[in-house]
Amino acid sequence: MTKETSPLLSIIIPSYNQLEGLKETLKAFSKFRNKRVELVVIDGQSSDDSPNWIRKNEASMDCYQIESDKGIYDAMNKGVVLSKGQWVVFFGTGDLPTEDGFAKLIHILEEGPDTEVLAFGVHLLPPRESGVPEFYQPVWNASLKWRNTLHHQGAIYSRTVLRNDPYDVRFKVLADYHLNLKLWKRGVRCMCFDTVISEVAPGGVSRTFTQSLYLEERALKRNIFPSLPDQIAQHVFTRLKWLKKQLS
């Protein structure tokens, strides 16, 4: 397979017991499949009818895998291994591409951007939790040290980056943030665009603001920024974020 005929972009969709959302997302992406876009579905051995439906409708995707996994990031790593695109983006079940925004993304990728990461805006569909904005615009600078400034459904990675740096499955909810911090600290460039490319379904584990979420955030930052001053600053910051959520 030559560079000209290989997929330009792989859409990886991890799924577990979310058949209706999976159907909706695959249908929305069907119009892009003739533009060097491949659809990769990774099902975690769902207990609903998802496995049967996937096998019967394999023509609506380019490849799939059905097997148990160790969580969403393990599924995403498996998707990267199966994918063939030069670039990779992850969509959840029920998430939808915006037609104009996604067309612009394809155009930018066809021009061969001189970077390893691109980031676009996303629209978070209602209902939204307290403090969660309707639109999420990407930023790639030192503010990433304090919060994840790239939304998952707006982040486009070179497949080589994800093959060399797979998601750390020790982090069950924030492994994407861990990866972004690691890449930023290493000096990897990211091109940011305000264009909205996805509409994100409500819910998701990273939008359940429990104490365990902030404990995981603290742990991943210890891994990236091990110095004592950084640990103290992050301990105070994450505790204040958690307290703010309790009062909102």
C-alpha atoms as a PDB file:
ATOM      1  CA  MET A   1       0.000   0.000   0.000  1.00  0.00           C
ATOM      2  CA  THR A   2       1.537   3.322  -1.078  1.00  0.00           C
ATOM      3  CA  LYS A   3       1.435   6.585   0.821  1.00  0.00           C
ATOM      4  CA  GLU A   4      -1.053   7.923  -1.745  1.00  0.00           C
ATOM      5  CA  THR A   5      -3.503   5.034  -1.264  1.00  0.00           C
ATOM      6  CA  SER A   6      -3.033   4.360   2.447  1.00  0.00           C
ATOM      7  CA  PRO A   7      -5.502   5.998   4.830  1.00  0.00           C
ATOM      8  CA  LEU A   8      -4.724   9.578   5.719  1.00  0.00           C
ATOM      9  CA  LEU A   9      -6.644   9.483   9.001  1.00  0.00           C
ATOM     10  CA  SER A  10      -7.786   6.666  11.264  1.00  0.00           C
ATOM     11  CA  ILE A  11     -10.914   7.237  13.356  1.00  0.00           C
ATOM     12  CA  ILE A  12     -10.638   4.899  16.338  1.00  0.00           C
ATOM     13  CA  ILE A  13     -13.871   4.257  18.236  1.00  0.00           C
ATOM     14  CA  PRO A  14     -13.605   2.319  21.512  1.00  0.00           C
ATOM     15  CA  SER A  15     -16.965   0.881  22.563  1.00  0.00           C
ATOM     16  CA  TYR A  16     -18.421  -1.084  25.440  1.00  0.00           C
ATOM     17  CA  ASN A  17     -22.171  -1.712  25.769  1.00  0.00           C
ATOM     18  CA  GLN A  18     -22.961   1.426  23.743  1.00  0.00           C
ATOM     19  CA  LEU A  19     -24.508  -0.019  20.596  1.00  0.00           C
ATOM     20  CA  GLU A  20     -26.880   2.839  19.750  1.00  0.00           C
ATOM     21  CA  GLY A  21     -24.134   5.421  20.159  1.00  0.00           C
ATOM     22  CA  LEU A  22     -21.784   3.299  18.045  1.00  0.00           C
ATOM     23  CA  LYS A  23     -24.365   3.119  15.255  1.00  0.00           C
ATOM     24  CA  GLU A  24     -24.833   6.898  15.373  1.00  0.00           C
ATOM     25  CA  THR A  25     -21.111   7.641  15.204  1.00  0.00           C
ATOM     26  CA  LEU A  26     -20.433   5.187  12.361  1.00  0.00           C
ATOM     27  CA  LYS A  27     -23.334   6.589  10.359  1.00  0.00           C
ATOM     28  CA  ALA A  28     -22.063  10.143  10.804  1.00  0.00           C
ATOM     29  CA  PHE A  29     -18.579   9.200   9.596  1.00  0.00           C
ATOM     30  CA  SER A  30     -19.760   7.159   6.591  1.00  0.00           C
ATOM     31  CA  LYS A  31     -19.636  10.217   4.309  1.00  0.00           C
ATOM     32  CA  PHE A  32     -15.905  10.667   4.926  1.00  0.00           C
ATOM     33  CA  ARG A  33     -14.748   7.122   4.180  1.00  0.00           C
ATOM     34  CA  ASN A  34     -14.012   7.856   0.509  1.00  0.00           C
ATOM     35  CA  LYS A  35     -11.605  10.625   1.536  1.00  0.00           C
ATOM     36  CA  ARG A  36      -8.814   8.366   2.775  1.00  0.00           C
ATOM     37  CA  VAL A  37     -10.414   8.013   6.180  1.00  0.00           C
ATOM     38  CA  GLU A  38     -10.651   4.605   7.844  1.00  0.00           C
ATOM     39  CA  LEU A  39     -12.992   3.611  10.699  1.00  0.00           C
ATOM     40  CA  VAL A  40     -11.603   1.312  13.386  1.00  0.00           C
ATOM     41  CA  VAL A  41     -13.925  -0.097  16.063  1.00  0.00           C
ATOM     42  CA  ILE A  42     -12.562  -1.665  19.247  1.00  0.00           C
ATOM     43  CA  ASP A  43     -15.257  -3.426  21.272  1.00  0.00           C
ATOM     44  CA  GLY A  44     -14.384  -4.576  24.784  1.00  0.00           C
ATOM     45  CA  GLN A  45     -16.416  -7.785  24.511  1.00  0.00           C
ATOM     46  CA  SER A  46     -19.702  -6.013  25.181  1.00  0.00           C
ATOM     47  CA  SER A  47     -22.498  -7.890  26.887  1.00  0.00           C
ATOM     48  CA  ASP A  48     -25.201  -6.167  24.817  1.00  0.00           C
ATOM     49  CA  ASP A  49     -25.771  -6.956  21.125  1.00  0.00           C
ATOM     50  CA  SER A  50     -22.750  -4.922  19.992  1.00  0.00           C
ATOM     51  CA  PRO A  51     -20.496  -7.886  19.040  1.00  0.00           C
ATOM     52  CA  ASN A  52     -23.210  -9.480  16.881  1.00  0.00           C
ATOM     53  CA  TRP A  53     -24.111  -6.174  15.261  1.00  0.00           C
ATOM     54  CA  ILE A  54     -20.472  -5.358  14.493  1.00  0.00           C
ATOM     55  CA  ARG A  55     -19.897  -8.729  12.817  1.00  0.00           C
ATOM     56  CA  LYS A  56     -23.081  -8.393  10.742  1.00  0.00           C
ATOM     57  CA  ASN A  57     -22.269  -4.805   9.728  1.00  0.00           C
ATOM     58  CA  GLU A  58     -18.530  -5.023   9.183  1.00  0.00           C
ATOM     59  CA  ALA A  59     -18.961  -3.295   5.814  1.00  0.00           C
ATOM     60  CA  SER A  60     -19.697  -0.045   7.696  1.00  0.00           C
ATOM     61  CA  MET A  61     -16.169   0.007   9.140  1.00  0.00           C
ATOM     62  CA  ASP A  62     -12.678  -0.763   7.850  1.00  0.00           C
ATOM     63  CA  CYS A  63     -11.557  -3.037  10.665  1.00  0.00           C
ATOM     64  CA  TYR A  64     -12.673  -4.073  14.109  1.00  0.00           C
ATOM     65  CA  GLN A  65     -11.622  -6.075  17.117  1.00  0.00           C
ATOM     66  CA  ILE A  66     -13.837  -7.696  19.728  1.00  0.00           C
ATOM     67  CA  GLU A  67     -12.087  -8.821  22.891  1.00  0.00           C
ATOM     68  CA  SER A  68     -11.915  -7.959  26.570  1.00  0.00           C
ATOM     69  CA  ASP A  69      -9.522  -5.199  27.588  1.00  0.00           C
ATOM     70  CA  LYS A  70      -8.143  -3.401  30.619  1.00  0.00           C
ATOM     71  CA  GLY A  71     -10.149  -0.232  30.089  1.00  0.00           C
ATOM     72  CA  ILE A  72     -10.675   2.494  27.524  1.00  0.00           C
ATOM     73  CA  TYR A  73      -6.993   3.374  27.071  1.00  0.00           C
ATOM     74  CA  ASP A  74      -6.048  -0.257  26.541  1.00  0.00           C
ATOM     75  CA  ALA A  75      -8.748  -0.361  23.847  1.00  0.00           C
ATOM     76  CA  MET A  76      -7.368   2.799  22.293  1.00  0.00           C
ATOM     77  CA  ASN A  77      -3.841   1.373  22.221  1.00  0.00           C
ATOM     78  CA  LYS A  78      -5.211  -1.697  20.448  1.00  0.00           C
ATOM     79  CA  GLY A  79      -6.880   0.572  17.923  1.00  0.00           C
ATOM     80  CA  VAL A  80      -3.586   2.308  17.175  1.00  0.00           C
ATOM     81  CA  VAL A  81      -1.930  -1.058  16.492  1.00  0.00           C
ATOM     82  CA  LEU A  82      -4.705  -2.027  14.056  1.00  0.00           C
ATOM     83  CA  SER A  83      -4.877   1.354  12.327  1.00  0.00           C
ATOM     84  CA  LYS A  84      -3.080   2.223   9.093  1.00  0.00           C
ATOM     85  CA  GLY A  85      -3.598   5.979   8.910  1.00  0.00           C
ATOM     86  CA  GLN A  86      -0.810   8.533   8.979  1.00  0.00           C
ATOM     87  CA  TRP A  87      -2.846  10.360  11.641  1.00  0.00           C
ATOM     88  CA  VAL A  88      -5.145   9.149  14.424  1.00  0.00           C
ATOM     89  CA  VAL A  89      -8.103  10.648  16.271  1.00  0.00           C
ATOM     90  CA  PHE A  90     -10.372   9.023  18.865  1.00  0.00           C
ATOM     91  CA  PHE A  91     -14.141   9.402  19.004  1.00  0.00           C
ATOM     92  CA  GLY A  92     -16.431   7.979  21.653  1.00  0.00           C
ATOM     93  CA  THR A  93     -19.722   6.277  20.889  1.00  0.00           C
ATOM     94  CA  GLY A  94     -22.327   8.973  20.298  1.00  0.00           C
ATOM     95  CA  ASP A  95     -19.723  11.590  19.339  1.00  0.00           C
ATOM     96  CA  LEU A  96     -20.231  13.203  15.939  1.00  0.00           C
ATOM     97  CA  PRO A  97     -17.992  15.035  13.447  1.00  0.00           C
ATOM     98  CA  THR A  98     -18.995  18.522  12.305  1.00  0.00           C
ATOM     99  CA  GLU A  99     -19.168  18.379   8.524  1.00  0.00           C
ATOM    100  CA  ASP A 100     -17.392  21.660   7.698  1.00  0.00           C
ATOM    101  CA  GLY A 101     -14.852  21.330  10.512  1.00  0.00           C
ATOM    102  CA  PHE A 102     -13.945  17.775   9.631  1.00  0.00           C
ATOM    103  CA  ALA A 103     -13.606  18.670   5.972  1.00  0.00           C
ATOM    104  CA  LYS A 104     -11.147  21.409   6.994  1.00  0.00           C
ATOM    105  CA  LEU A 105      -9.221  18.898   9.113  1.00  0.00           C
ATOM    106  CA  ILE A 106      -8.854  16.566   6.106  1.00  0.00           C
ATOM    107  CA  HIS A 107      -7.663  19.474   3.960  1.00  0.00           C
ATOM    108  CA  ILE A 108      -5.017  20.446   6.537  1.00  0.00           C
ATOM    109  CA  LEU A 109      -3.789  16.857   6.800  1.00  0.00           C
ATOM    110  CA  GLU A 110      -3.572  16.566   3.015  1.00  0.00           C
ATOM    111  CA  GLU A 111      -1.211  19.551   2.998  1.00  0.00           C
ATOM    112  CA  GLY A 112       1.213  17.625   5.244  1.00  0.00           C
ATOM    113  CA  PRO A 113       1.522  19.734   8.405  1.00  0.00           C
ATOM    114  CA  ASP A 114       5.012  20.000   9.872  1.00  0.00           C
ATOM    115  CA  THR A 115       4.056  18.821  13.352  1.00  0.00           C
ATOM    116  CA  GLU A 116       3.233  15.652  15.272  1.00  0.00           C
ATOM    117  CA  VAL A 117       0.073  16.857  17.019  1.00  0.00           C
ATOM    118  CA  LEU A 118      -2.832  19.023  15.896  1.00  0.00           C
ATOM    119  CA  ALA A 119      -5.667  20.241  18.098  1.00  0.00           C
ATOM    120  CA  PHE A 120      -9.116  21.549  17.211  1.00  0.00           C
ATOM    121  CA  GLY A 121     -12.143  22.864  19.056  1.00  0.00           C
ATOM    122  CA  VAL A 122     -15.025  20.693  20.203  1.00  0.00           C
ATOM    123  CA  HIS A 123     -18.665  21.366  21.052  1.00  0.00           C
ATOM    124  CA  LEU A 124     -19.875  19.648  24.213  1.00  0.00           C
ATOM    125  CA  LEU A 125     -23.520  18.670  23.857  1.00  0.00           C
ATOM    126  CA  PRO A 126     -25.987  19.122  26.740  1.00  0.00           C
ATOM    127  CA  PRO A 127     -26.545  18.236  29.467  1.00  0.00           C
ATOM    128  CA  ARG A 128     -23.225  19.598  30.714  1.00  0.00           C
ATOM    129  CA  GLU A 129     -21.926  19.366  34.246  1.00  0.00           C
ATOM    130  CA  SER A 130     -21.400  22.518  36.320  1.00  0.00           C
ATOM    131  CA  GLY A 131     -18.315  24.383  35.155  1.00  0.00           C
ATOM    132  CA  VAL A 132     -18.035  22.467  31.865  1.00  0.00           C
ATOM    133  CA  PRO A 133     -17.983  24.930  28.911  1.00  0.00           C
ATOM    134  CA  GLU A 134     -20.110  24.503  25.811  1.00  0.00           C
ATOM    135  CA  PHE A 135     -17.116  25.007  23.515  1.00  0.00           C
ATOM    136  CA  TYR A 136     -13.588  23.813  24.244  1.00  0.00           C
ATOM    137  CA  GLN A 137     -10.746  25.564  22.438  1.00  0.00           C
ATOM    138  CA  PRO A 138      -7.230  24.032  22.426  1.00  0.00           C
ATOM    139  CA  VAL A 139      -4.116  25.595  23.922  1.00  0.00           C
ATOM    140  CA  TRP A 140      -0.578  24.153  23.875  1.00  0.00           C
ATOM    141  CA  ASN A 141       1.559  26.062  26.352  1.00  0.00           C
ATOM    142  CA  ALA A 142       2.515  26.093  30.043  1.00  0.00           C
ATOM    143  CA  SER A 143      -1.155  26.215  31.083  1.00  0.00           C
ATOM    144  CA  LEU A 144      -1.241  22.522  30.156  1.00  0.00           C
ATOM    145  CA  LYS A 145       0.670  21.930  33.387  1.00  0.00           C
ATOM    146  CA  TRP A 146      -2.437  22.904  35.351  1.00  0.00           C
ATOM    147  CA  ARG A 147      -5.253  21.470  33.260  1.00  0.00           C
ATOM    148  CA  ASN A 148      -5.702  19.413  30.130  1.00  0.00           C
ATOM    149  CA  THR A 149      -6.056  22.094  27.471  1.00  0.00           C
ATOM    150  CA  LEU A 150      -6.630  19.623  24.605  1.00  0.00           C
ATOM    151  CA  HIS A 151      -9.995  17.940  24.421  1.00  0.00           C
ATOM    152  CA  HIS A 152      -9.689  14.281  23.505  1.00  0.00           C
ATOM    153  CA  GLN A 153     -12.076  14.409  20.535  1.00  0.00           C
ATOM    154  CA  GLY A 154     -10.210  17.410  19.143  1.00  0.00           C
ATOM    155  CA  ALA A 155      -6.671  16.016  19.357  1.00  0.00           C
ATOM    156  CA  ILE A 156      -5.058  14.544  16.229  1.00  0.00           C
ATOM    157  CA  TYR A 157      -1.822  12.595  16.673  1.00  0.00           C
ATOM    158  CA  SER A 158       0.719  11.229  14.249  1.00  0.00           C
ATOM    159  CA  ARG A 159       0.330   7.450  14.425  1.00  0.00           C
ATOM    160  CA  THR A 160       4.100   7.212  14.915  1.00  0.00           C
ATOM    161  CA  VAL A 161       3.802   9.232  18.130  1.00  0.00           C
ATOM    162  CA  LEU A 162       1.157   6.895  19.517  1.00  0.00           C
ATOM    163  CA  ARG A 163       3.071   3.782  18.477  1.00  0.00           C
ATOM    164  CA  ASN A 164       6.164   5.066  20.291  1.00  0.00           C
ATOM    165  CA  ASP A 165       4.256   6.461  23.283  1.00  0.00           C
ATOM    166  CA  PRO A 166       1.123   4.372  23.907  1.00  0.00           C
ATOM    167  CA  TYR A 167      -1.315   5.418  26.596  1.00  0.00           C
ATOM    168  CA  ASP A 168      -0.205   4.459  30.102  1.00  0.00           C
ATOM    169  CA  VAL A 169      -3.003   2.141  31.236  1.00  0.00           C
ATOM    170  CA  ARG A 170      -2.136   2.729  34.901  1.00  0.00           C
ATOM    171  CA  PHE A 171      -4.184   5.901  34.517  1.00  0.00           C
ATOM    172  CA  LYS A 172      -7.778   4.765  34.003  1.00  0.00           C
ATOM    173  CA  VAL A 173      -9.371   8.181  33.383  1.00  0.00           C
ATOM    174  CA  LEU A 174      -6.667  10.709  32.497  1.00  0.00           C
ATOM    175  CA  ALA A 175      -4.115   8.799  30.429  1.00  0.00           C
ATOM    176  CA  ASP A 176      -4.720  11.230  27.545  1.00  0.00           C
ATOM    177  CA  TYR A 177      -3.739  14.128  29.812  1.00  0.00           C
ATOM    178  CA  HIS A 178      -0.655  12.190  30.914  1.00  0.00           C
ATOM    179  CA  LEU A 179       0.360  11.694  27.270  1.00  0.00           C
ATOM    180  CA  ASN A 180      -0.214  15.363  26.399  1.00  0.00           C
ATOM    181  CA  LEU A 181       1.919  16.496  29.330  1.00  0.00           C
ATOM    182  CA  LYS A 182       4.675  14.077  28.397  1.00  0.00           C
ATOM    183  CA  LEU A 183       4.721  15.291  24.793  1.00  0.00           C
ATOM    184  CA  TRP A 184       4.602  18.968  25.787  1.00  0.00           C
ATOM    185  CA  LYS A 185       7.441  18.564  28.300  1.00  0.00           C
ATOM    186  CA  ARG A 186       9.499  16.802  25.627  1.00  0.00           C
ATOM    187  CA  GLY A 187       9.094  19.769  23.300  1.00  0.00           C
ATOM    188  CA  VAL A 188       6.733  18.222  20.753  1.00  0.00           C
ATOM    189  CA  ARG A 189       5.011  20.888  18.641  1.00  0.00           C
ATOM    190  CA  CYS A 190       1.238  21.129  18.370  1.00  0.00           C
ATOM    191  CA  MET A 191      -0.689  23.240  15.863  1.00  0.00           C
ATOM    192  CA  CYS A 192      -3.920  24.596  17.393  1.00  0.00           C
ATOM    193  CA  PHE A 193      -7.037  25.615  15.454  1.00  0.00           C
ATOM    194  CA  ASP A 194     -10.265  27.201  16.695  1.00  0.00           C
ATOM    195  CA  THR A 195     -12.304  25.226  14.141  1.00  0.00           C
ATOM    196  CA  VAL A 196     -14.763  22.852  15.830  1.00  0.00           C
ATOM    197  CA  ILE A 197     -14.449  19.328  14.434  1.00  0.00           C
ATOM    198  CA  SER A 198     -16.573  17.289  16.855  1.00  0.00           C
ATOM    199  CA  GLU A 199     -19.750  17.314  18.881  1.00  0.00           C
ATOM    200  CA  VAL A 200     -19.161  15.362  22.061  1.00  0.00           C
ATOM    201  CA  ALA A 201     -21.907  13.332  23.719  1.00  0.00           C
ATOM    202  CA  PRO A 202     -22.616  14.097  27.399  1.00  0.00           C
ATOM    203  CA  GLY A 203     -21.117  12.021  30.176  1.00  0.00           C
ATOM    204  CA  GLY A 204     -17.778  10.266  30.154  1.00  0.00           C
ATOM    205  CA  VAL A 205     -15.592   9.141  33.016  1.00  0.00           C
ATOM    206  CA  SER A 206     -13.388  12.250  32.976  1.00  0.00           C
ATOM    207  CA  ARG A 207     -16.483  14.389  33.595  1.00  0.00           C
ATOM    208  CA  THR A 208     -17.341  12.600  36.823  1.00  0.00           C
ATOM    209  CA  PHE A 209     -15.599  14.896  39.279  1.00  0.00           C
ATOM    210  CA  THR A 210     -14.966  12.512  42.154  1.00  0.00           C
ATOM    211  CA  GLN A 211     -12.042  12.674  44.546  1.00  0.00           C
ATOM    212  CA  SER A 212     -10.435   9.715  42.756  1.00  0.00           C
ATOM    213  CA  LEU A 213     -10.226  11.808  39.575  1.00  0.00           C
ATOM    214  CA  TYR A 214      -8.056  14.394  41.307  1.00  0.00           C
ATOM    215  CA  LEU A 215      -5.973  11.731  43.012  1.00  0.00           C
ATOM    216  CA  GLU A 216      -5.224  10.297  39.572  1.00  0.00           C
ATOM    217  CA  GLU A 217      -4.377  13.757  38.263  1.00  0.00           C
ATOM    218  CA  ARG A 218      -1.939  14.212  41.149  1.00  0.00           C
ATOM    219  CA  ALA A 219      -0.358  10.803  40.453  1.00  0.00           C
ATOM    220  CA  LEU A 220       0.178  11.418  36.736  1.00  0.00           C
ATOM    221  CA  LYS A 221       1.740  14.808  37.447  1.00  0.00           C
ATOM    222  CA  ARG A 222       4.135  13.235  39.949  1.00  0.00           C
ATOM    223  CA  ASN A 223       5.190  10.956  37.111  1.00  0.00           C
ATOM    224  CA  ILE A 224       5.848  13.881  34.736  1.00  0.00           C
ATOM    225  CA  PHE A 225       7.050  16.504  37.258  1.00  0.00           C
ATOM    226  CA  PRO A 226       8.775  14.594  40.082  1.00  0.00           C
ATOM    227  CA  SER A 227      10.448  17.532  41.854  1.00  0.00           C
ATOM    228  CA  LEU A 228       9.264  18.302  45.382  1.00  0.00           C
ATOM    229  CA  PRO A 229       8.208  21.924  44.618  1.00  0.00           C
ATOM    230  CA  ASP A 230       6.122  20.713  41.675  1.00  0.00           C
ATOM    231  CA  GLN A 231       4.532  17.987  43.804  1.00  0.00           C
ATOM    232  CA  ILE A 232       3.599  20.460  46.539  1.00  0.00           C
ATOM    233  CA  ALA A 233       2.135  22.930  44.035  1.00  0.00           C
ATOM    234  CA  GLN A 234       0.098  20.239  42.289  1.00  0.00           C
ATOM    235  CA  HIS A 235      -1.116  18.798  45.601  1.00  0.00           C
ATOM    236  CA  VAL A 236      -2.474  22.195  46.643  1.00  0.00           C
ATOM    237  CA  PHE A 237      -3.885  22.952  43.181  1.00  0.00           C
ATOM    238  CA  THR A 238      -5.736  19.653  42.731  1.00  0.00           C
ATOM    239  CA  ARG A 239      -7.168  19.867  46.247  1.00  0.00           C
ATOM    240  CA  LEU A 240      -8.484  23.359  45.551  1.00  0.00           C
ATOM    241  CA  LYS A 241     -10.008  22.167  42.251  1.00  0.00           C
ATOM    242  CA  TRP A 242     -11.781  19.327  44.056  1.00  0.00           C
ATOM    243  CA  LEU A 243     -13.089  21.656  46.794  1.00  0.00           C
ATOM    244  CA  LYS A 244     -14.362  24.090  44.160  1.00  0.00           C
ATOM    245  CA  LYS A 245     -16.326  21.285  42.484  1.00  0.00           C
ATOM    246  CA  GLN A 246     -17.888  20.323  45.805  1.00  0.00           C
ATOM    247  CA  LEU A 247     -19.123  23.880  46.327  1.00  0.00           C
ATOM    248  CA  SER A 248     -20.426  24.421  42.788  1.00  0.00           C
END
